[in-house]
């Protein structure tokens, strides 16, 4: 079996593709945006993102934590409290989100509906 050799375009876009795989989770962008406002405990995050089911929120938070975008801190209270916040890597992603939002405002589906 031959090894696949990446062409110049595949190499150029491989980093972007790896980021998109992390952020492919349905609610990842919404969770990152919510946490950009500051740390939140799980229940508060769940209330603020009422559209996201509990299991989906848990799964996406685990994925973002695994990829070092979100930090999970456990407090030894009764019952145990868990707080989520963005890591430095997660905070740095805000610049990219803002640029994506500018692009979406300029070129997104809402623009097509106006025309």
C-alpha atoms as a PDB file:
ATOM      1  CA  UNK A   1       0.000   0.000   0.000  1.00  0.00           C
ATOM      2  CA  UNK A   2       1.411   3.403  -0.986  1.00  0.00           C
ATOM      3  CA  UNK A   3       1.742   6.256   1.459  1.00  0.00           C
ATOM      4  CA  UNK A   4      -0.247   9.299   0.477  1.00  0.00           C
ATOM      5  CA  UNK A   5       1.989  12.322  -0.098  1.00  0.00           C
ATOM      6  CA  UNK A   6       0.323  15.623   0.666  1.00  0.00           C
ATOM      7  CA  UNK A   7       0.281  18.134  -2.135  1.00  0.00           C
ATOM      8  CA  UNK A   8       0.957  21.838  -1.498  1.00  0.00           C
ATOM      9  CA  UNK A   9      -2.734  22.697  -1.029  1.00  0.00           C
ATOM     10  CA  UNK A  10      -3.317  19.814   1.389  1.00  0.00           C
ATOM     11  CA  UNK A  11      -0.359  20.931   3.495  1.00  0.00           C
ATOM     12  CA  UNK A  12      -1.510  24.548   3.421  1.00  0.00           C
ATOM     13  CA  UNK A  13      -5.017  23.732   4.645  1.00  0.00           C
ATOM     14  CA  UNK A  14      -4.251  20.863   7.030  1.00  0.00           C
ATOM     15  CA  UNK A  15      -3.979  23.201  10.034  1.00  0.00           C
ATOM     16  CA  UNK A  16      -7.328  24.803   9.246  1.00  0.00           C
ATOM     17  CA  UNK A  17      -8.920  21.375   8.815  1.00  0.00           C
ATOM     18  CA  UNK A  18      -7.611  20.218  12.193  1.00  0.00           C
ATOM     19  CA  UNK A  19      -9.156  23.302  13.869  1.00  0.00           C
ATOM     20  CA  UNK A  20     -12.451  22.715  12.071  1.00  0.00           C
ATOM     21  CA  UNK A  21     -12.505  19.119  13.333  1.00  0.00           C
ATOM     22  CA  UNK A  22     -12.282  20.397  16.918  1.00  0.00           C
ATOM     23  CA  UNK A  23     -14.962  22.997  16.310  1.00  0.00           C
ATOM     24  CA  UNK A  24     -17.190  20.685  14.302  1.00  0.00           C
ATOM     25  CA  UNK A  25     -19.222  19.978  17.421  1.00  0.00           C
ATOM     26  CA  UNK A  26     -22.643  21.478  16.896  1.00  0.00           C
ATOM     27  CA  UNK A  27     -22.549  23.914  19.823  1.00  0.00           C
ATOM     28  CA  UNK A  28     -18.806  24.644  20.114  1.00  0.00           C
ATOM     29  CA  UNK A  29     -18.950  28.201  18.770  1.00  0.00           C
ATOM     30  CA  UNK A  30     -21.892  29.095  20.986  1.00  0.00           C
ATOM     31  CA  UNK A  31     -20.184  27.710  24.099  1.00  0.00           C
ATOM     32  CA  UNK A  32     -16.918  29.506  23.326  1.00  0.00           C
ATOM     33  CA  UNK A  33     -18.795  32.771  22.773  1.00  0.00           C
ATOM     34  CA  UNK A  34     -20.671  32.356  26.062  1.00  0.00           C
ATOM     35  CA  UNK A  35     -17.489  31.593  28.016  1.00  0.00           C
ATOM     36  CA  UNK A  36     -15.746  34.588  26.459  1.00  0.00           C
ATOM     37  CA  UNK A  37     -17.922  36.679  28.800  1.00  0.00           C
ATOM     38  CA  UNK A  38     -16.271  35.022  31.796  1.00  0.00           C
ATOM     39  CA  UNK A  39     -16.186  31.775  33.784  1.00  0.00           C
ATOM     40  CA  UNK A  40     -19.499  30.007  34.344  1.00  0.00           C
ATOM     41  CA  UNK A  41     -20.634  27.101  36.415  1.00  0.00           C
ATOM     42  CA  UNK A  42     -22.231  24.261  34.507  1.00  0.00           C
ATOM     43  CA  UNK A  43     -25.813  25.035  35.557  1.00  0.00           C
ATOM     44  CA  UNK A  44     -25.463  28.725  34.674  1.00  0.00           C
ATOM     45  CA  UNK A  45     -23.994  27.843  31.300  1.00  0.00           C
ATOM     46  CA  UNK A  46     -26.844  25.395  30.756  1.00  0.00           C
ATOM     47  CA  UNK A  47     -29.441  28.061  31.656  1.00  0.00           C
ATOM     48  CA  UNK A  48     -27.781  30.642  29.391  1.00  0.00           C
ATOM     49  CA  UNK A  49     -27.652  28.135  26.529  1.00  0.00           C
ATOM     50  CA  UNK A  50     -31.124  26.698  27.053  1.00  0.00           C
ATOM     51  CA  UNK A  51     -31.252  25.505  23.438  1.00  0.00           C
ATOM     52  CA  UNK A  52     -28.415  23.020  24.173  1.00  0.00           C
ATOM     53  CA  UNK A  53     -29.416  19.721  25.788  1.00  0.00           C
ATOM     54  CA  UNK A  54     -27.516  18.702  28.928  1.00  0.00           C
ATOM     55  CA  UNK A  55     -25.732  15.732  27.319  1.00  0.00           C
ATOM     56  CA  UNK A  56     -24.715  17.782  24.271  1.00  0.00           C
ATOM     57  CA  UNK A  57     -23.334  20.532  26.504  1.00  0.00           C
ATOM     58  CA  UNK A  58     -21.373  17.961  28.503  1.00  0.00           C
ATOM     59  CA  UNK A  59     -19.975  16.316  25.358  1.00  0.00           C
ATOM     60  CA  UNK A  60     -18.892  19.574  23.743  1.00  0.00           C
ATOM     61  CA  UNK A  61     -17.332  20.858  26.966  1.00  0.00           C
ATOM     62  CA  UNK A  62     -15.334  17.607  27.211  1.00  0.00           C
ATOM     63  CA  UNK A  63     -14.166  17.987  23.608  1.00  0.00           C
ATOM     64  CA  UNK A  64     -13.157  21.620  24.152  1.00  0.00           C
ATOM     65  CA  UNK A  65     -11.390  20.690  27.386  1.00  0.00           C
ATOM     66  CA  UNK A  66      -9.531  17.837  25.665  1.00  0.00           C
ATOM     67  CA  UNK A  67      -8.352  20.318  23.030  1.00  0.00           C
ATOM     68  CA  UNK A  68      -7.275  22.829  25.700  1.00  0.00           C
ATOM     69  CA  UNK A  69      -9.786  25.502  24.681  1.00  0.00           C
ATOM     70  CA  UNK A  70     -11.822  25.224  27.888  1.00  0.00           C
ATOM     71  CA  UNK A  71     -10.603  24.775  31.459  1.00  0.00           C
ATOM     72  CA  UNK A  72     -12.707  22.767  33.910  1.00  0.00           C
ATOM     73  CA  UNK A  73     -12.293  23.576  37.587  1.00  0.00           C
ATOM     74  CA  UNK A  74     -13.940  21.481  40.314  1.00  0.00           C
ATOM     75  CA  UNK A  75     -14.821  23.072  43.667  1.00  0.00           C
ATOM     76  CA  UNK A  76     -15.124  20.780  46.722  1.00  0.00           C
ATOM     77  CA  UNK A  77     -18.558  22.030  47.744  1.00  0.00           C
ATOM     78  CA  UNK A  78     -21.626  19.984  48.627  1.00  0.00           C
ATOM     79  CA  UNK A  79     -22.789  19.204  46.026  1.00  0.00           C
ATOM     80  CA  UNK A  80     -19.618  19.569  43.958  1.00  0.00           C
ATOM     81  CA  UNK A  81     -19.555  22.649  41.735  1.00  0.00           C
ATOM     82  CA  UNK A  82     -17.815  22.748  38.379  1.00  0.00           C
ATOM     83  CA  UNK A  83     -16.798  25.975  36.668  1.00  0.00           C
ATOM     84  CA  UNK A  84     -15.748  26.335  33.048  1.00  0.00           C
ATOM     85  CA  UNK A  85     -13.615  29.079  31.560  1.00  0.00           C
ATOM     86  CA  UNK A  86     -11.614  29.667  28.427  1.00  0.00           C
ATOM     87  CA  UNK A  87      -7.922  28.890  28.458  1.00  0.00           C
ATOM     88  CA  UNK A  88      -5.421  31.278  26.911  1.00  0.00           C
ATOM     89  CA  UNK A  89      -5.814  29.248  23.714  1.00  0.00           C
ATOM     90  CA  UNK A  90      -9.605  29.655  23.906  1.00  0.00           C
ATOM     91  CA  UNK A  91      -9.372  33.396  24.566  1.00  0.00           C
ATOM     92  CA  UNK A  92      -7.002  33.810  21.637  1.00  0.00           C
ATOM     93  CA  UNK A  93      -9.623  32.199  19.392  1.00  0.00           C
ATOM     94  CA  UNK A  94     -11.920  35.205  20.011  1.00  0.00           C
ATOM     95  CA  UNK A  95     -10.002  37.200  17.387  1.00  0.00           C
ATOM     96  CA  UNK A  96     -10.824  34.575  14.779  1.00  0.00           C
ATOM     97  CA  UNK A  97     -14.485  34.452  15.841  1.00  0.00           C
ATOM     98  CA  UNK A  98     -14.802  38.229  15.478  1.00  0.00           C
ATOM     99  CA  UNK A  99     -13.349  38.067  11.970  1.00  0.00           C
ATOM    100  CA  UNK A 100     -15.741  35.226  11.082  1.00  0.00           C
ATOM    101  CA  UNK A 101     -18.644  37.296  12.386  1.00  0.00           C
ATOM    102  CA  UNK A 102     -17.586  40.267  10.213  1.00  0.00           C
ATOM    103  CA  UNK A 103     -17.452  37.964   7.200  1.00  0.00           C
ATOM    104  CA  UNK A 104     -20.865  36.467   8.022  1.00  0.00           C
ATOM    105  CA  UNK A 105     -22.426  39.920   8.358  1.00  0.00           C
ATOM    106  CA  UNK A 106     -20.974  40.977   5.027  1.00  0.00           C
ATOM    107  CA  UNK A 107     -21.544  37.764   3.058  1.00  0.00           C
ATOM    108  CA  UNK A 108     -23.842  35.497   5.067  1.00  0.00           C
ATOM    109  CA  UNK A 109     -27.341  34.221   4.236  1.00  0.00           C
ATOM    110  CA  UNK A 110     -29.057  37.307   5.675  1.00  0.00           C
ATOM    111  CA  UNK A 111     -27.365  39.398   2.959  1.00  0.00           C
ATOM    112  CA  UNK A 112     -28.736  37.062   0.281  1.00  0.00           C
ATOM    113  CA  UNK A 113     -32.264  37.442   1.696  1.00  0.00           C
ATOM    114  CA  UNK A 114     -32.043  41.236   1.452  1.00  0.00           C
ATOM    115  CA  UNK A 115     -31.101  41.216  -2.234  1.00  0.00           C
END
